[in-house]
Amino acid sequence: MENGNLTNIIKQRRNIKPASMNGKRIPDEQVREILELADWAPTHGYTEPWYFVVFSGEGVKQFCQAHADIYKANTPAEKFAQGSYEKLQQQGDLASHVIAICMKRGNKPAIPELEEIVAVACATQNLWLGATEKGLAGYWGSGGMTFHPSMKEYLSLREEDKVLGFFYLGYTDEQIPEGRRLKPVEEKFKWM
């Protein structure tokens, strides 16, 4: 990939699942650099609603265990699946960092919640593109207990805030798959 070429970076960004990561540790300073790119997302009224909780080192294992425990504590016995519990426990085993993607509602109630959520998504895309430029693997997941109130509580968020997912970050030894789109571009744009 040509470093700094935004077109190539955008086209080469991929979702690389945590199981495809290799366990190699990313220096925290590199993660800080891509988080600083996230901070340059567009924001209506400068509310800057993105809030990222970064788990690194032992924190990744602690988060994954907490996620599994939240699942166990909040799932009725008849719906509880041991396999799901174990998957949540092990989800980050090969990831270097896990970043909780959160929206902290700004102090301007006239700004629609949707605009705050979209600003966080833009910040996450900036983070992801920065990771791609550095040759890092990233995965934005929203499974497990992401949207459960207990996760919000675990992350010390307020009622009006939201958890939008978890970004797993690491390295991979696997070949990055070719990009593809299923619908022709003509079906997605309308010129007037």
N, C-alpha and C. Protein backbone atom coordinates (compact mmCIF):
# COMPACT_ATOMS: atom_id res chain seq x y z
N MET A 1 0.85 -1.18 0.00
CA MET A 1 0.00 0.00 0.00
C MET A 1 0.89 1.24 0.00
N GLU A 2 0.49 2.21 -0.76
CA GLU A 2 1.22 3.47 -0.81
C GLU A 2 0.84 4.28 0.41
N ASN A 3 1.82 4.52 1.28
CA ASN A 3 1.56 5.26 2.52
C ASN A 3 1.03 6.65 2.22
N GLY A 4 0.01 7.05 2.95
CA GLY A 4 -0.54 8.38 2.80
C GLY A 4 -1.50 8.55 1.65
N ASN A 5 -1.71 7.55 0.84
CA ASN A 5 -2.63 7.67 -0.28
C ASN A 5 -4.03 7.31 0.22
N LEU A 6 -4.83 8.33 0.47
CA LEU A 6 -6.14 8.13 1.08
C LEU A 6 -7.04 7.21 0.28
N THR A 7 -7.02 7.34 -1.03
CA THR A 7 -7.87 6.48 -1.87
C THR A 7 -7.54 5.01 -1.64
N ASN A 8 -6.26 4.67 -1.66
CA ASN A 8 -5.86 3.28 -1.44
C ASN A 8 -6.19 2.82 -0.02
N ILE A 9 -5.97 3.68 0.95
CA ILE A 9 -6.25 3.31 2.34
C ILE A 9 -7.73 2.99 2.50
N ILE A 10 -8.60 3.84 1.95
CA ILE A 10 -10.05 3.61 2.04
C ILE A 10 -10.41 2.29 1.37
N LYS A 11 -9.88 2.04 0.18
CA LYS A 11 -10.22 0.83 -0.55
C LYS A 11 -9.64 -0.43 0.08
N GLN A 12 -8.59 -0.31 0.88
CA GLN A 12 -7.96 -1.48 1.47
C GLN A 12 -8.38 -1.74 2.92
N ARG A 13 -9.22 -0.89 3.48
CA ARG A 13 -9.70 -1.11 4.84
C ARG A 13 -10.56 -2.37 4.87
N ARG A 14 -10.28 -3.26 5.81
CA ARG A 14 -11.03 -4.52 5.91
C ARG A 14 -11.39 -4.81 7.36
N ASN A 15 -12.42 -5.59 7.52
CA ASN A 15 -12.82 -6.13 8.81
C ASN A 15 -12.04 -7.44 9.00
N ILE A 16 -11.11 -7.47 9.93
CA ILE A 16 -10.30 -8.66 10.19
C ILE A 16 -10.70 -9.17 11.58
N LYS A 17 -11.34 -10.32 11.62
CA LYS A 17 -11.86 -10.84 12.89
C LYS A 17 -10.73 -11.12 13.88
N PRO A 18 -11.02 -10.97 15.16
CA PRO A 18 -9.98 -11.18 16.18
C PRO A 18 -9.32 -12.55 16.12
N ALA A 19 -10.06 -13.58 15.70
CA ALA A 19 -9.47 -14.93 15.59
C ALA A 19 -8.39 -14.98 14.51
N SER A 20 -8.37 -14.01 13.60
CA SER A 20 -7.35 -13.96 12.55
C SER A 20 -6.15 -13.11 12.94
N MET A 21 -6.18 -12.56 14.15
CA MET A 21 -5.04 -11.77 14.63
C MET A 21 -4.00 -12.73 15.20
N ASN A 22 -2.77 -12.25 15.37
CA ASN A 22 -1.68 -13.14 15.76
C ASN A 22 -1.16 -12.98 17.18
N GLY A 23 -1.74 -12.08 17.97
CA GLY A 23 -1.32 -11.92 19.36
C GLY A 23 -0.17 -10.96 19.57
N LYS A 24 0.45 -10.49 18.51
CA LYS A 24 1.56 -9.55 18.64
C LYS A 24 1.05 -8.21 19.18
N ARG A 25 1.80 -7.63 20.07
CA ARG A 25 1.39 -6.39 20.75
C ARG A 25 1.73 -5.14 19.92
N ILE A 26 0.76 -4.24 19.82
CA ILE A 26 0.94 -2.94 19.17
C ILE A 26 1.41 -1.96 20.25
N PRO A 27 2.43 -1.17 20.00
CA PRO A 27 2.83 -0.17 20.99
C PRO A 27 1.67 0.78 21.29
N ASP A 28 1.46 1.06 22.58
CA ASP A 28 0.37 1.95 22.98
C ASP A 28 0.46 3.30 22.26
N GLU A 29 1.66 3.77 21.98
CA GLU A 29 1.82 5.06 21.31
C GLU A 29 1.19 5.03 19.92
N GLN A 30 1.29 3.92 19.20
CA GLN A 30 0.65 3.81 17.88
C GLN A 30 -0.87 3.87 18.03
N VAL A 31 -1.39 3.22 19.06
CA VAL A 31 -2.83 3.26 19.29
C VAL A 31 -3.26 4.68 19.62
N ARG A 32 -2.47 5.36 20.41
CA ARG A 32 -2.77 6.77 20.74
C ARG A 32 -2.82 7.61 19.46
N GLU A 33 -1.89 7.37 18.54
CA GLU A 33 -1.86 8.12 17.28
C GLU A 33 -3.14 7.93 16.47
N ILE A 34 -3.63 6.72 16.39
CA ILE A 34 -4.85 6.51 15.60
C ILE A 34 -6.08 7.03 16.35
N LEU A 35 -6.03 7.04 17.69
CA LEU A 35 -7.13 7.65 18.45
C LEU A 35 -7.16 9.16 18.23
N GLU A 36 -5.98 9.75 18.05
CA GLU A 36 -5.94 11.19 17.77
C GLU A 36 -6.54 11.50 16.40
N LEU A 37 -6.43 10.56 15.45
CA LEU A 37 -7.11 10.73 14.16
C LEU A 37 -8.62 10.68 14.35
N ALA A 38 -9.07 9.80 15.24
CA ALA A 38 -10.50 9.70 15.52
C ALA A 38 -11.05 11.03 16.00
N ASP A 39 -10.24 11.76 16.73
CA ASP A 39 -10.67 13.03 17.31
C ASP A 39 -10.95 14.11 16.27
N TRP A 40 -10.57 13.87 15.02
CA TRP A 40 -10.79 14.85 13.96
C TRP A 40 -12.07 14.57 13.16
N ALA A 41 -12.96 13.79 13.71
CA ALA A 41 -14.23 13.51 13.03
C ALA A 41 -15.11 14.76 13.02
N PRO A 42 -16.03 14.84 12.06
CA PRO A 42 -16.97 15.96 12.06
C PRO A 42 -17.92 15.86 13.25
N THR A 43 -18.31 17.00 13.78
CA THR A 43 -19.19 17.03 14.94
C THR A 43 -20.06 18.28 14.89
N HIS A 44 -21.36 18.09 14.96
CA HIS A 44 -22.31 19.21 14.94
C HIS A 44 -22.25 19.93 16.28
N GLY A 45 -22.03 21.21 16.23
CA GLY A 45 -22.01 22.00 17.45
C GLY A 45 -20.80 21.73 18.33
N TYR A 46 -19.79 21.10 17.79
CA TYR A 46 -18.57 20.75 18.55
C TYR A 46 -18.87 20.00 19.84
N THR A 47 -19.86 19.12 19.78
CA THR A 47 -20.16 18.32 20.98
C THR A 47 -19.12 17.21 21.17
N GLU A 48 -18.44 16.81 20.09
CA GLU A 48 -17.40 15.78 20.14
C GLU A 48 -17.83 14.60 21.03
N PRO A 49 -18.89 13.89 20.63
CA PRO A 49 -19.50 12.88 21.50
C PRO A 49 -18.77 11.55 21.58
N TRP A 50 -17.69 11.36 20.81
CA TRP A 50 -16.97 10.08 20.84
C TRP A 50 -16.24 9.93 22.17
N TYR A 51 -16.27 8.71 22.64
CA TYR A 51 -15.59 8.35 23.90
C TYR A 51 -15.11 6.93 23.74
N PHE A 52 -13.82 6.74 23.86
CA PHE A 52 -13.23 5.42 23.65
C PHE A 52 -12.60 4.94 24.95
N VAL A 53 -12.94 3.73 25.35
CA VAL A 53 -12.31 3.11 26.52
C VAL A 53 -11.35 2.06 25.96
N VAL A 54 -10.06 2.23 26.23
CA VAL A 54 -9.03 1.39 25.64
C VAL A 54 -8.56 0.35 26.65
N PHE A 55 -8.64 -0.90 26.24
CA PHE A 55 -8.14 -2.01 27.05
C PHE A 55 -6.88 -2.52 26.36
N SER A 56 -5.79 -2.60 27.12
CA SER A 56 -4.54 -3.11 26.55
C SER A 56 -3.87 -4.03 27.57
N GLY A 57 -2.93 -4.81 27.09
CA GLY A 57 -2.23 -5.73 27.99
C GLY A 57 -3.19 -6.64 28.72
N GLU A 58 -3.04 -6.75 30.03
CA GLU A 58 -3.92 -7.58 30.86
C GLU A 58 -5.36 -7.07 30.82
N GLY A 59 -5.52 -5.79 30.51
CA GLY A 59 -6.86 -5.20 30.43
C GLY A 59 -7.74 -5.86 29.39
N VAL A 60 -7.14 -6.38 28.32
CA VAL A 60 -7.92 -7.07 27.28
C VAL A 60 -8.55 -8.33 27.87
N LYS A 61 -7.77 -9.12 28.58
CA LYS A 61 -8.30 -10.34 29.20
C LYS A 61 -9.36 -10.00 30.25
N GLN A 62 -9.10 -8.96 31.04
CA GLN A 62 -10.06 -8.54 32.06
C GLN A 62 -11.38 -8.11 31.43
N PHE A 63 -11.29 -7.34 30.33
CA PHE A 63 -12.51 -6.92 29.64
C PHE A 63 -13.28 -8.13 29.11
N CYS A 64 -12.57 -9.05 28.45
CA CYS A 64 -13.25 -10.22 27.86
C CYS A 64 -13.91 -11.06 28.95
N GLN A 65 -13.26 -11.21 30.08
CA GLN A 65 -13.86 -11.95 31.19
C GLN A 65 -15.09 -11.21 31.71
N ALA A 66 -14.99 -9.89 31.85
CA ALA A 66 -16.12 -9.10 32.31
C ALA A 66 -17.29 -9.19 31.33
N HIS A 67 -16.99 -9.16 30.02
CA HIS A 67 -18.04 -9.27 29.01
C HIS A 67 -18.76 -10.62 29.14
N ALA A 68 -17.98 -11.69 29.30
CA ALA A 68 -18.56 -13.02 29.48
C ALA A 68 -19.40 -13.08 30.76
N ASP A 69 -18.91 -12.48 31.83
CA ASP A 69 -19.63 -12.48 33.10
C ASP A 69 -20.93 -11.68 33.01
N ILE A 70 -20.91 -10.57 32.26
CA ILE A 70 -22.14 -9.79 32.05
C ILE A 70 -23.16 -10.64 31.30
N TYR A 71 -22.69 -11.38 30.31
CA TYR A 71 -23.57 -12.29 29.56
C TYR A 71 -24.18 -13.32 30.52
N LYS A 72 -23.36 -13.94 31.34
CA LYS A 72 -23.83 -14.98 32.25
C LYS A 72 -24.83 -14.44 33.26
N ALA A 73 -24.54 -13.27 33.81
CA ALA A 73 -25.39 -12.67 34.85
C ALA A 73 -26.73 -12.18 34.31
N ASN A 74 -26.80 -11.89 33.01
CA ASN A 74 -28.00 -11.28 32.45
C ASN A 74 -28.73 -12.14 31.44
N THR A 75 -28.36 -13.40 31.35
CA THR A 75 -29.01 -14.31 30.41
C THR A 75 -29.78 -15.37 31.20
N PRO A 76 -31.07 -15.50 30.94
CA PRO A 76 -31.84 -16.54 31.64
C PRO A 76 -31.22 -17.92 31.39
N ALA A 77 -31.29 -18.76 32.39
CA ALA A 77 -30.66 -20.10 32.34
C ALA A 77 -31.05 -20.87 31.08
N GLU A 78 -32.32 -20.77 30.66
CA GLU A 78 -32.77 -21.54 29.50
C GLU A 78 -32.20 -20.99 28.17
N LYS A 79 -31.68 -19.74 28.19
CA LYS A 79 -31.10 -19.16 26.98
C LYS A 79 -29.58 -19.11 27.03
N PHE A 80 -29.02 -19.39 28.18
CA PHE A 80 -27.57 -19.34 28.35
C PHE A 80 -26.90 -20.45 27.54
N ALA A 81 -25.84 -20.08 26.81
CA ALA A 81 -25.08 -21.06 26.03
C ALA A 81 -23.62 -21.01 26.47
N GLN A 82 -23.13 -22.12 26.96
CA GLN A 82 -21.75 -22.18 27.43
C GLN A 82 -20.77 -21.78 26.32
N GLY A 83 -21.07 -22.17 25.09
CA GLY A 83 -20.21 -21.81 23.96
C GLY A 83 -20.13 -20.30 23.76
N SER A 84 -21.25 -19.61 23.91
CA SER A 84 -21.26 -18.15 23.78
C SER A 84 -20.45 -17.50 24.89
N TYR A 85 -20.60 -18.04 26.09
CA TYR A 85 -19.84 -17.54 27.24
C TYR A 85 -18.34 -17.67 26.98
N GLU A 86 -17.93 -18.84 26.52
CA GLU A 86 -16.51 -19.08 26.26
C GLU A 86 -15.99 -18.23 25.10
N LYS A 87 -16.81 -18.03 24.09
CA LYS A 87 -16.40 -17.19 22.96
C LYS A 87 -16.14 -15.76 23.43
N LEU A 88 -17.02 -15.24 24.28
CA LEU A 88 -16.81 -13.89 24.82
C LEU A 88 -15.54 -13.83 25.66
N GLN A 89 -15.28 -14.87 26.44
CA GLN A 89 -14.07 -14.94 27.26
C GLN A 89 -12.81 -14.88 26.40
N GLN A 90 -12.85 -15.56 25.27
CA GLN A 90 -11.66 -15.73 24.44
C GLN A 90 -11.58 -14.78 23.25
N GLN A 91 -12.59 -13.96 23.05
CA GLN A 91 -12.68 -13.10 21.86
C GLN A 91 -11.41 -12.26 21.65
N GLY A 92 -10.80 -11.80 22.71
CA GLY A 92 -9.63 -10.94 22.56
C GLY A 92 -8.30 -11.61 22.74
N ASP A 93 -8.27 -12.94 22.79
CA ASP A 93 -7.02 -13.66 23.07
C ASP A 93 -5.89 -13.30 22.11
N LEU A 94 -6.20 -13.01 20.86
CA LEU A 94 -5.17 -12.71 19.88
C LEU A 94 -5.11 -11.23 19.49
N ALA A 95 -5.96 -10.42 20.12
CA ALA A 95 -5.98 -8.98 19.86
C ALA A 95 -4.97 -8.29 20.76
N SER A 96 -4.42 -7.20 20.28
CA SER A 96 -3.50 -6.40 21.08
C SER A 96 -4.28 -5.45 21.99
N HIS A 97 -5.30 -4.84 21.45
CA HIS A 97 -6.12 -3.87 22.18
C HIS A 97 -7.59 -4.10 21.84
N VAL A 98 -8.45 -3.77 22.78
CA VAL A 98 -9.89 -3.71 22.53
C VAL A 98 -10.32 -2.31 22.94
N ILE A 99 -11.06 -1.66 22.05
CA ILE A 99 -11.50 -0.29 22.30
C ILE A 99 -13.02 -0.25 22.30
N ALA A 100 -13.59 0.13 23.44
CA ALA A 100 -15.05 0.29 23.52
C ALA A 100 -15.39 1.59 22.79
N ILE A 101 -16.32 1.50 21.85
CA ILE A 101 -16.76 2.65 21.06
C ILE A 101 -18.03 3.18 21.71
N CYS A 102 -17.95 4.37 22.28
CA CYS A 102 -19.09 4.91 23.02
C CYS A 102 -19.47 6.29 22.52
N MET A 103 -20.74 6.62 22.70
CA MET A 103 -21.24 7.95 22.41
C MET A 103 -21.66 8.56 23.74
N LYS A 104 -20.97 9.63 24.13
CA LYS A 104 -21.36 10.39 25.31
C LYS A 104 -22.13 11.60 24.80
N ARG A 105 -23.40 11.62 25.12
CA ARG A 105 -24.30 12.68 24.63
C ARG A 105 -23.75 14.04 25.01
N GLY A 106 -23.68 14.93 24.03
CA GLY A 106 -23.21 16.29 24.28
C GLY A 106 -24.19 17.09 25.10
N ASN A 107 -23.80 18.31 25.45
CA ASN A 107 -24.64 19.15 26.31
C ASN A 107 -25.52 20.11 25.50
N LYS A 108 -25.81 19.73 24.26
CA LYS A 108 -26.70 20.53 23.41
C LYS A 108 -27.87 19.66 22.99
N PRO A 109 -28.93 19.62 23.81
CA PRO A 109 -30.05 18.71 23.54
C PRO A 109 -30.76 18.96 22.20
N ALA A 110 -30.57 20.12 21.59
CA ALA A 110 -31.21 20.39 20.30
C ALA A 110 -30.56 19.57 19.18
N ILE A 111 -29.35 19.11 19.41
CA ILE A 111 -28.69 18.28 18.40
C ILE A 111 -29.26 16.87 18.51
N PRO A 112 -29.83 16.35 17.42
CA PRO A 112 -30.45 15.02 17.48
C PRO A 112 -29.45 13.94 17.87
N GLU A 113 -29.93 12.96 18.64
CA GLU A 113 -29.09 11.85 19.07
C GLU A 113 -28.45 11.16 17.88
N LEU A 114 -29.19 11.02 16.79
CA LEU A 114 -28.65 10.35 15.61
C LEU A 114 -27.38 11.03 15.10
N GLU A 115 -27.36 12.36 15.15
CA GLU A 115 -26.17 13.09 14.70
C GLU A 115 -24.98 12.80 15.60
N GLU A 116 -25.22 12.60 16.87
CA GLU A 116 -24.14 12.26 17.81
C GLU A 116 -23.61 10.85 17.51
N ILE A 117 -24.53 9.93 17.23
CA ILE A 117 -24.13 8.56 16.90
C ILE A 117 -23.32 8.54 15.61
N VAL A 118 -23.77 9.30 14.61
CA VAL A 118 -23.06 9.35 13.33
C VAL A 118 -21.67 9.96 13.51
N ALA A 119 -21.54 10.95 14.36
CA ALA A 119 -20.22 11.55 14.62
C ALA A 119 -19.27 10.50 15.20
N VAL A 120 -19.78 9.65 16.10
CA VAL A 120 -18.95 8.59 16.68
C VAL A 120 -18.56 7.58 15.60
N ALA A 121 -19.49 7.27 14.70
CA ALA A 121 -19.17 6.35 13.60
C ALA A 121 -18.08 6.95 12.71
N CYS A 122 -18.16 8.25 12.45
CA CYS A 122 -17.11 8.91 11.66
C CYS A 122 -15.77 8.84 12.40
N ALA A 123 -15.78 9.06 13.70
CA ALA A 123 -14.54 8.98 14.49
C ALA A 123 -13.97 7.57 14.41
N THR A 124 -14.84 6.58 14.47
CA THR A 124 -14.39 5.18 14.40
C THR A 124 -13.81 4.88 13.03
N GLN A 125 -14.42 5.41 11.98
CA GLN A 125 -13.87 5.22 10.63
C GLN A 125 -12.49 5.87 10.54
N ASN A 126 -12.31 7.05 11.12
CA ASN A 126 -10.98 7.67 11.12
C ASN A 126 -9.96 6.76 11.82
N LEU A 127 -10.36 6.21 12.96
CA LEU A 127 -9.50 5.29 13.71
C LEU A 127 -9.13 4.11 12.82
N TRP A 128 -10.12 3.55 12.14
CA TRP A 128 -9.94 2.36 11.32
C TRP A 128 -9.02 2.65 10.12
N LEU A 129 -9.21 3.81 9.50
CA LEU A 129 -8.35 4.17 8.37
C LEU A 129 -6.92 4.39 8.83
N GLY A 130 -6.76 4.98 10.02
CA GLY A 130 -5.43 5.15 10.58
C GLY A 130 -4.76 3.82 10.86
N ALA A 131 -5.54 2.87 11.35
CA ALA A 131 -5.01 1.53 11.60
C ALA A 131 -4.60 0.87 10.29
N THR A 132 -5.42 1.02 9.26
CA THR A 132 -5.11 0.44 7.95
C THR A 132 -3.81 1.02 7.41
N GLU A 133 -3.64 2.33 7.54
CA GLU A 133 -2.42 2.98 7.06
C GLU A 133 -1.18 2.40 7.76
N LYS A 134 -1.32 2.04 9.02
CA LYS A 134 -0.19 1.50 9.79
C LYS A 134 -0.03 -0.01 9.63
N GLY A 135 -0.88 -0.63 8.80
CA GLY A 135 -0.77 -2.07 8.58
C GLY A 135 -1.36 -2.90 9.71
N LEU A 136 -2.29 -2.32 10.46
CA LEU A 136 -2.91 -3.02 11.57
C LEU A 136 -4.24 -3.63 11.15
N ALA A 137 -4.61 -4.70 11.83
CA ALA A 137 -5.90 -5.36 11.58
C ALA A 137 -6.93 -4.79 12.55
N GLY A 138 -8.14 -4.56 12.07
CA GLY A 138 -9.20 -4.03 12.91
C GLY A 138 -10.52 -4.73 12.68
N TYR A 139 -11.31 -4.79 13.73
CA TYR A 139 -12.63 -5.43 13.65
C TYR A 139 -13.59 -4.67 14.57
N TRP A 140 -14.68 -4.16 13.98
CA TRP A 140 -15.72 -3.49 14.76
C TRP A 140 -16.84 -4.49 14.97
N GLY A 141 -16.99 -4.94 16.20
CA GLY A 141 -18.03 -5.91 16.54
C GLY A 141 -19.05 -5.31 17.49
N SER A 142 -20.28 -5.79 17.37
CA SER A 142 -21.34 -5.31 18.25
C SER A 142 -22.15 -6.46 18.83
N GLY A 143 -21.51 -7.61 18.95
CA GLY A 143 -22.21 -8.79 19.47
C GLY A 143 -22.18 -8.85 20.99
N GLY A 144 -22.57 -10.01 21.47
CA GLY A 144 -22.57 -10.23 22.92
C GLY A 144 -23.51 -9.28 23.63
N MET A 145 -23.01 -8.63 24.65
CA MET A 145 -23.81 -7.76 25.51
C MET A 145 -23.59 -6.28 25.21
N THR A 146 -23.13 -5.98 24.01
CA THR A 146 -22.80 -4.60 23.64
C THR A 146 -23.90 -3.61 24.01
N PHE A 147 -25.15 -3.94 23.71
CA PHE A 147 -26.24 -2.98 23.88
C PHE A 147 -27.01 -3.17 25.19
N HIS A 148 -26.56 -4.04 26.04
CA HIS A 148 -27.25 -4.30 27.30
C HIS A 148 -26.91 -3.20 28.31
N PRO A 149 -27.88 -2.76 29.10
CA PRO A 149 -27.60 -1.72 30.11
C PRO A 149 -26.44 -2.06 31.05
N SER A 150 -26.21 -3.33 31.30
CA SER A 150 -25.10 -3.70 32.19
C SER A 150 -23.74 -3.35 31.58
N MET A 151 -23.63 -3.38 30.26
CA MET A 151 -22.38 -3.00 29.62
C MET A 151 -22.17 -1.49 29.78
N LYS A 152 -23.24 -0.75 29.62
CA LYS A 152 -23.16 0.69 29.81
C LYS A 152 -22.70 1.00 31.24
N GLU A 153 -23.25 0.27 32.19
CA GLU A 153 -22.86 0.44 33.59
C GLU A 153 -21.39 0.07 33.79
N TYR A 154 -20.96 -1.04 33.22
CA TYR A 154 -19.57 -1.49 33.32
C TYR A 154 -18.61 -0.41 32.82
N LEU A 155 -18.99 0.30 31.76
CA LEU A 155 -18.15 1.34 31.18
C LEU A 155 -18.37 2.71 31.81
N SER A 156 -19.17 2.75 32.88
CA SER A 156 -19.46 3.99 33.63
C SER A 156 -20.09 5.08 32.76
N LEU A 157 -21.03 4.65 31.91
CA LEU A 157 -21.74 5.61 31.07
C LEU A 157 -23.05 6.01 31.71
N ARG A 158 -23.56 7.15 31.29
CA ARG A 158 -24.84 7.65 31.78
C ARG A 158 -25.99 7.04 30.97
N GLU A 159 -27.19 7.24 31.44
CA GLU A 159 -28.38 6.70 30.77
C GLU A 159 -28.46 7.17 29.32
N GLU A 160 -28.16 8.44 29.07
CA GLU A 160 -28.29 9.01 27.73
C GLU A 160 -27.13 8.65 26.78
N ASP A 161 -26.12 8.00 27.30
CA ASP A 161 -24.97 7.60 26.49
C ASP A 161 -25.24 6.24 25.84
N LYS A 162 -24.39 5.84 24.91
CA LYS A 162 -24.58 4.57 24.21
C LYS A 162 -23.24 3.87 23.98
N VAL A 163 -23.30 2.55 24.00
CA VAL A 163 -22.17 1.72 23.56
C VAL A 163 -22.50 1.32 22.12
N LEU A 164 -21.58 1.59 21.20
CA LEU A 164 -21.83 1.31 19.79
C LEU A 164 -21.04 0.11 19.28
N GLY A 165 -20.23 -0.48 20.13
CA GLY A 165 -19.49 -1.66 19.72
C GLY A 165 -18.12 -1.68 20.34
N PHE A 166 -17.34 -2.67 19.88
CA PHE A 166 -15.97 -2.85 20.37
C PHE A 166 -15.07 -3.02 19.16
N PHE A 167 -13.96 -2.30 19.19
CA PHE A 167 -13.00 -2.34 18.09
C PHE A 167 -11.80 -3.16 18.55
N TYR A 168 -11.61 -4.32 17.92
CA TYR A 168 -10.48 -5.19 18.22
C TYR A 168 -9.35 -4.80 17.28
N LEU A 169 -8.17 -4.63 17.84
CA LEU A 169 -7.04 -4.13 17.08
C LEU A 169 -5.85 -5.05 17.28
N GLY A 170 -5.17 -5.38 16.21
CA GLY A 170 -4.01 -6.26 16.31
C GLY A 170 -3.25 -6.34 15.00
N TYR A 171 -2.45 -7.36 14.91
CA TYR A 171 -1.72 -7.68 13.68
C TYR A 171 -2.27 -9.00 13.16
N THR A 172 -2.12 -9.21 11.87
CA THR A 172 -2.48 -10.50 11.30
C THR A 172 -1.38 -10.97 10.37
N ASP A 173 -1.22 -12.29 10.29
CA ASP A 173 -0.28 -12.89 9.35
C ASP A 173 -1.01 -13.35 8.09
N GLU A 174 -2.34 -13.27 8.12
CA GLU A 174 -3.15 -13.76 7.00
C GLU A 174 -3.17 -12.76 5.85
N GLN A 175 -3.39 -13.27 4.68
CA GLN A 175 -3.55 -12.44 3.49
C GLN A 175 -4.81 -11.59 3.66
N ILE A 176 -4.69 -10.30 3.42
CA ILE A 176 -5.86 -9.41 3.50
C ILE A 176 -6.73 -9.69 2.28
N PRO A 177 -8.02 -9.98 2.51
CA PRO A 177 -8.87 -10.31 1.36
C PRO A 177 -9.10 -9.11 0.44
N GLU A 178 -9.35 -9.42 -0.81
CA GLU A 178 -9.70 -8.39 -1.79
C GLU A 178 -11.03 -7.76 -1.38
N GLY A 179 -11.18 -6.49 -1.70
CA GLY A 179 -12.43 -5.82 -1.42
C GLY A 179 -13.49 -6.20 -2.45
N ARG A 180 -14.73 -6.08 -2.03
CA ARG A 180 -15.81 -6.36 -2.98
C ARG A 180 -17.06 -5.60 -2.55
N ARG A 181 -17.88 -5.32 -3.48
CA ARG A 181 -19.18 -4.72 -3.26
C ARG A 181 -20.18 -5.56 -4.04
N LEU A 182 -21.35 -5.78 -3.46
CA LEU A 182 -22.33 -6.66 -4.07
C LEU A 182 -23.26 -5.95 -5.06
N LYS A 183 -23.51 -4.67 -4.81
CA LYS A 183 -24.40 -3.92 -5.70
C LYS A 183 -23.57 -2.95 -6.54
N PRO A 184 -23.95 -2.78 -7.80
CA PRO A 184 -23.23 -1.80 -8.63
C PRO A 184 -23.42 -0.39 -8.07
N VAL A 185 -22.40 0.42 -8.24
CA VAL A 185 -22.43 1.78 -7.72
C VAL A 185 -23.61 2.58 -8.26
N GLU A 186 -24.04 2.27 -9.47
CA GLU A 186 -25.16 3.00 -10.07
C GLU A 186 -26.45 2.85 -9.26
N GLU A 187 -26.58 1.74 -8.53
CA GLU A 187 -27.78 1.51 -7.71
C GLU A 187 -27.75 2.30 -6.41
N LYS A 188 -26.61 2.90 -6.09
CA LYS A 188 -26.45 3.57 -4.80
C LYS A 188 -26.39 5.08 -4.89
N PHE A 189 -26.33 5.60 -6.12
CA PHE A 189 -26.30 7.04 -6.30
C PHE A 189 -27.41 7.47 -7.23
N LYS A 190 -27.94 8.65 -6.98
CA LYS A 190 -28.93 9.23 -7.90
C LYS A 190 -28.51 10.67 -8.16
N TRP A 191 -28.23 10.95 -9.41
CA TRP A 191 -27.85 12.32 -9.79
C TRP A 191 -29.10 13.07 -10.21
N MET A 192 -29.23 14.27 -9.77
CA MET A 192 -30.40 15.10 -10.10
C MET A 192 -29.98 16.31 -10.91
